[in-house]
Protein backbone atom coordinates (compact mmCIF):
# COMPACT_ATOMS: atom_id res chain seq x y z
CA MET A 1 13.84 -70.35 10.06
CA GLN A 2 16.73 -68.42 11.50
CA SER A 3 18.09 -67.76 8.04
CA THR A 4 14.71 -66.31 7.00
CA PHE A 5 14.70 -63.88 9.95
CA ALA A 6 18.28 -62.91 9.18
CA LEU A 7 17.36 -62.24 5.55
CA LEU A 8 14.40 -60.05 6.60
CA GLU A 9 16.55 -58.09 9.03
CA THR A 10 19.13 -57.56 6.30
CA LEU A 11 16.46 -56.30 3.90
CA ASN A 12 15.00 -53.95 6.53
CA VAL A 13 18.40 -52.53 7.32
CA GLY A 14 19.11 -52.10 3.61
CA ASN A 15 15.80 -50.28 3.04
CA LEU A 16 16.41 -48.05 6.05
CA VAL A 17 19.90 -47.16 4.86
CA GLN A 18 18.58 -46.53 1.36
CA GLY A 19 15.79 -44.34 2.77
CA ASN A 20 18.25 -42.33 4.84
CA ASN A 21 20.46 -41.85 1.82
CA THR A 22 17.48 -40.65 -0.21
CA ILE A 23 16.52 -38.14 2.49
CA ASN A 24 20.11 -36.93 2.79
CA GLU A 25 20.38 -36.56 -0.98
CA TYR A 26 17.08 -34.65 -1.02
CA PHE A 27 18.18 -32.14 1.61
CA ALA A 28 21.62 -31.88 0.05
CA ALA A 29 20.03 -31.01 -3.28
CA GLN A 30 17.75 -28.48 -1.60
CA PHE A 31 20.54 -26.69 0.25
CA ALA A 32 22.79 -26.81 -2.80
CA GLU A 33 20.31 -24.51 -4.55
CA LEU A 34 19.13 -22.59 -1.48
CA THR A 35 21.69 -22.16 1.29
CA PRO A 36 20.80 -20.54 4.63
CA MET A 37 23.30 -17.78 3.91
CA ASN A 38 21.61 -16.97 0.59
CA VAL A 39 18.22 -16.82 2.31
CA LEU A 40 19.61 -14.57 5.06
CA VAL A 41 21.20 -12.16 2.57
CA ALA A 42 17.98 -12.00 0.53
CA LEU A 43 15.89 -11.33 3.64
CA ILE A 44 18.23 -8.54 4.73
CA TYR A 45 17.89 -6.92 1.30
CA GLY A 46 14.13 -7.46 1.51
CA LEU A 47 13.95 -5.76 4.91
CA VAL A 48 15.93 -2.74 3.69
CA VAL A 49 13.89 -2.40 0.49
CA GLY A 50 10.62 -2.88 2.38
CA LEU A 51 11.55 -0.17 4.87
CA VAL A 52 12.37 2.19 1.99
CA ILE A 53 8.93 1.53 0.47
CA ALA A 54 7.22 2.10 3.85
CA PHE A 55 9.17 5.35 4.34
CA VAL A 56 8.18 6.64 0.90
CA TYR A 57 4.55 5.68 1.60
CA LYS A 58 4.56 7.64 4.86
CA LYS A 59 6.15 10.76 3.38
CA CYS A 60 4.04 10.78 0.20
CA TYR A 61 0.72 9.82 1.82
CA ARG A 62 -2.03 12.33 1.05
CA GLY A 63 -5.07 10.71 2.70
CA VAL A 64 -6.89 11.68 5.88
CA LEU A 65 -5.71 8.91 8.22
CA TYR A 66 -2.23 7.44 7.81
CA SER A 67 -2.19 3.69 8.55
CA PRO A 68 1.03 2.38 10.15
CA SER A 69 -0.27 -1.18 9.79
CA PHE A 70 -0.43 -0.78 5.99
CA ALA A 71 3.17 0.49 5.97
CA MET A 72 4.18 -2.62 7.96
CA THR A 73 2.21 -4.73 5.48
CA LEU A 74 4.37 -3.38 2.65
CA VAL A 75 7.51 -4.49 4.50
CA MET A 76 6.00 -7.93 5.15
CA LEU A 77 4.94 -8.33 1.50
CA THR A 78 8.52 -7.76 0.38
CA LEU A 79 9.93 -10.16 2.98
CA ILE A 80 7.36 -12.89 2.26
CA THR A 81 7.62 -12.73 -1.52
CA THR A 82 11.42 -12.97 -1.52
CA PRO A 83 11.82 -16.53 -0.11
CA VAL A 84 8.80 -17.77 -2.07
CA VAL A 85 10.43 -16.76 -5.35
CA MET A 86 13.74 -18.23 -4.21
CA CYS A 87 12.04 -21.60 -3.67
CA ILE A 88 10.11 -21.78 -6.93
CA LYS A 89 12.55 -20.18 -9.37
CA SER A 90 14.41 -23.45 -10.05
CA ASP A 91 11.45 -25.86 -9.86
CA ILE A 92 8.86 -25.61 -12.64
CA ALA A 93 6.45 -28.06 -11.02
CA LEU A 94 6.56 -26.21 -7.70
CA SER A 95 6.08 -22.85 -9.42
CA MET A 96 3.00 -24.10 -11.27
CA GLY A 97 1.58 -25.48 -8.05
CA MET A 98 2.22 -22.19 -6.28
CA VAL A 99 0.42 -20.26 -9.03
CA GLY A 100 -2.54 -22.62 -8.75
CA ALA A 101 -2.65 -22.25 -4.97
CA LEU A 102 -2.50 -18.45 -5.11
CA SER A 103 -5.22 -18.31 -7.78
CA ILE A 104 -7.82 -19.52 -5.26
CA VAL A 105 -6.90 -16.93 -2.60
CA ARG A 106 -9.44 -14.16 -2.18
CA PHE A 107 -8.70 -10.97 -0.23
CA ARG A 108 -11.77 -9.38 1.33
CA THR A 109 -10.16 -6.10 2.42
CA ALA A 110 -11.25 -3.24 0.17
CA VAL A 111 -8.51 -0.90 -1.03
CA LYS A 112 -9.88 2.64 -0.73
CA ASP A 113 -7.04 4.52 -2.38
CA PRO A 114 -5.75 3.32 -5.80
CA MET A 115 -2.26 4.41 -4.76
CA ASP A 116 -2.32 1.74 -2.01
CA THR A 117 -2.67 -0.89 -4.75
CA ALA A 118 0.33 0.59 -6.55
CA TYR A 119 2.40 0.38 -3.36
CA MET A 120 1.39 -3.27 -2.89
CA PHE A 121 2.47 -4.16 -6.45
CA TRP A 122 5.69 -2.24 -5.83
CA ALA A 123 6.45 -4.33 -2.74
CA LEU A 124 5.60 -7.58 -4.57
CA THR A 125 7.81 -6.63 -7.52
CA MET A 126 10.72 -5.92 -5.22
CA GLY A 127 10.23 -9.29 -3.54
CA ILE A 128 10.27 -11.04 -6.93
CA LEU A 129 13.47 -9.27 -7.99
CA LEU A 130 15.21 -10.03 -4.70
CA GLY A 131 14.04 -13.64 -4.75
CA ALA A 132 15.49 -14.02 -8.24
CA GLY A 133 18.83 -12.74 -6.95
CA MET A 134 18.73 -9.47 -8.91
CA TYR A 135 19.86 -7.31 -5.99
CA GLY A 136 21.39 -4.54 -8.08
CA ILE A 137 18.28 -4.18 -10.24
CA ALA A 138 16.06 -4.20 -7.15
CA ILE A 139 18.02 -1.43 -5.44
CA THR A 140 18.05 0.63 -8.65
CA VAL A 141 14.29 0.19 -9.14
CA VAL A 142 13.34 1.03 -5.55
CA LEU A 143 15.51 4.17 -5.57
CA GLY A 144 14.24 5.26 -8.99
CA ILE A 145 10.56 4.85 -8.05
CA SER A 146 11.19 6.64 -4.75
CA VAL A 147 12.67 9.65 -6.56
CA VAL A 148 9.73 9.72 -8.99
CA LEU A 149 7.16 9.59 -6.16
CA PHE A 150 8.89 12.34 -4.19
CA GLY A 151 9.05 14.43 -7.35
CA MET A 152 5.34 13.91 -8.08
CA THR A 153 4.51 14.82 -4.49
CA PHE A 154 6.57 18.03 -4.71
CA ILE A 155 4.82 19.04 -7.93
CA LYS A 156 1.48 18.43 -6.25
CA PHE A 157 2.32 21.05 -3.61
CA THR A 158 1.94 23.78 -6.23
CA SER A 159 -1.77 23.04 -6.83
CA PRO A 160 -4.48 24.54 -4.59
CA ASN A 161 -5.84 22.37 -1.82
CA ALA A 162 -9.39 21.09 -2.26
CA TYR A 163 -11.98 21.45 0.52
CA LEU A 164 -15.70 21.04 1.02
CA LEU A 165 -17.39 24.10 2.53
CA VAL A 166 -20.69 23.26 4.26
CA ILE A 167 -22.85 26.26 5.28
CA HIS A 168 -26.11 26.31 7.26
CA TYR A 169 -27.93 29.62 6.83
CA ASP A 170 -31.23 31.46 6.55
CA GLU A 171 -32.52 31.79 3.00
CA ALA A 172 -32.21 35.58 3.09
CA ALA A 173 -28.43 35.33 3.57
CA GLU A 174 -27.77 33.37 0.37
CA TYR A 175 -26.98 36.45 -1.72
CA ASP A 176 -24.39 37.72 0.78
CA ILE A 177 -22.80 34.25 0.95
CA ASN A 178 -22.42 34.07 -2.83
CA GLN A 179 -20.94 37.56 -2.98
CA GLN A 180 -18.41 36.73 -0.26
CA LEU A 181 -17.38 33.53 -2.06
CA ARG A 182 -16.89 35.45 -5.32
CA ARG A 183 -14.56 37.88 -3.56
CA THR A 184 -12.49 35.35 -1.61
CA VAL A 185 -12.53 32.10 -3.62
CA LYS A 186 -11.73 31.93 -7.32
CA ASN A 187 -12.08 28.17 -7.75
CA ARG A 188 -15.43 27.01 -6.41
CA ARG A 189 -18.21 24.66 -7.44
CA LEU A 190 -21.65 24.14 -5.93
CA ARG A 191 -22.06 20.49 -4.98
CA SER A 192 -25.43 20.45 -3.23
CA LYS A 193 -28.15 22.73 -1.92
CA THR A 194 -30.88 21.73 0.54
CA MET A 195 -33.86 23.82 1.64
CA THR A 196 -35.81 22.98 4.83
CA ARG A 197 -38.32 24.77 7.05
CA ALA A 198 -35.54 25.42 9.56
CA GLY A 199 -33.21 26.96 6.99
CA ALA A 200 -30.94 25.99 4.13
CA GLU A 201 -27.66 24.15 3.55
CA MET A 202 -25.15 24.53 0.74
CA THR A 203 -22.03 22.48 0.03
CA TYR A 204 -19.30 24.04 -2.12
CA GLU A 205 -16.09 22.48 -3.40
CA VAL A 206 -13.45 25.18 -3.03
CA ARG A 207 -9.74 25.32 -3.79
CA LEU A 208 -7.67 27.61 -1.60
CA ASP A 209 -4.21 28.88 -2.54
CA ASN A 210 -3.42 30.22 0.94
CA LYS A 211 -4.45 29.76 4.56
CA GLN A 212 -7.24 32.32 4.50
CA ASP A 213 -9.88 31.91 7.19
CA LEU A 214 -12.89 31.24 4.99
CA VAL A 215 -15.01 29.88 7.85
CA ALA A 216 -14.64 33.08 9.89
CA SER A 217 -15.64 35.22 6.91
CA MET A 218 -18.77 33.10 6.45
CA LEU A 219 -19.74 33.42 10.12
CA ASN A 220 -19.48 37.22 9.88
CA ILE A 221 -22.45 37.21 7.50
CA ASP A 222 -25.83 37.81 9.16
CA GLY A 223 -28.06 34.77 8.87
CA VAL A 224 -25.26 32.17 8.72
CA HIS A 225 -25.66 29.69 11.59
CA ASP A 226 -22.48 27.63 11.09
CA ALA A 227 -19.85 26.85 8.49
CA THR A 228 -17.60 23.79 8.20
CA LEU A 229 -14.51 23.33 6.05
CA VAL A 230 -13.62 19.69 5.36
CA ALA A 231 -10.45 18.60 3.56
CA CYS A 232 -10.98 16.21 0.68
CA GLN A 233 -9.39 12.80 1.28
CA THR A 234 -7.03 12.96 -1.70
CA GLU A 235 -5.78 16.42 -0.77
CA ALA A 236 -5.62 16.29 3.02
CA GLY A 237 -1.89 16.13 3.31
CA ALA A 238 -0.97 18.49 0.53
């Protein structure tokens, strides 16, 4: 009886030692491929690259309301993608599982500006390059795209700014309004016209080359009740 208990204790100890060795070997294999120092270096590169992307987004943004949270999201996308790629790049089974898991994720937030989608793909691409250890290529790509975006933004400054001119007026003043627009605005397009018992409303799309006070010139016309100049979303910051 005592020999049986001794044999069981020996087997339990042996299994425990074997289990500990297996765990140690597992972690040793993991850290052989992915050391804490490698992760730290990659995250530092990811932070720098993400901040560059956020800076370019802020300087090149041409919408109405700049969103600091979206700029922070671009930094986080770069930082999050980097360690994920580092983990799956050497394990085919894990990479396939990750692709399957991500395929069922659905994002409900609507992207209003197509350029925001481009910035998100830019951040994800940088995270993939950094996670794969291609630091030189990542730095070259982020600097090259930044120069291109700044160049495109500078070229955009040369085009006239687009606005919507909304005018409420008496019907008798329509002729004077059209004559004033012909004299002051070369690029214009009638978007809508509404007639009511209380008066009329016209909406023009206008492109202005300079800072002329178009609203004041409209209000100087007899029969014009009010005039509003609204910047188009895609041209607000130009």
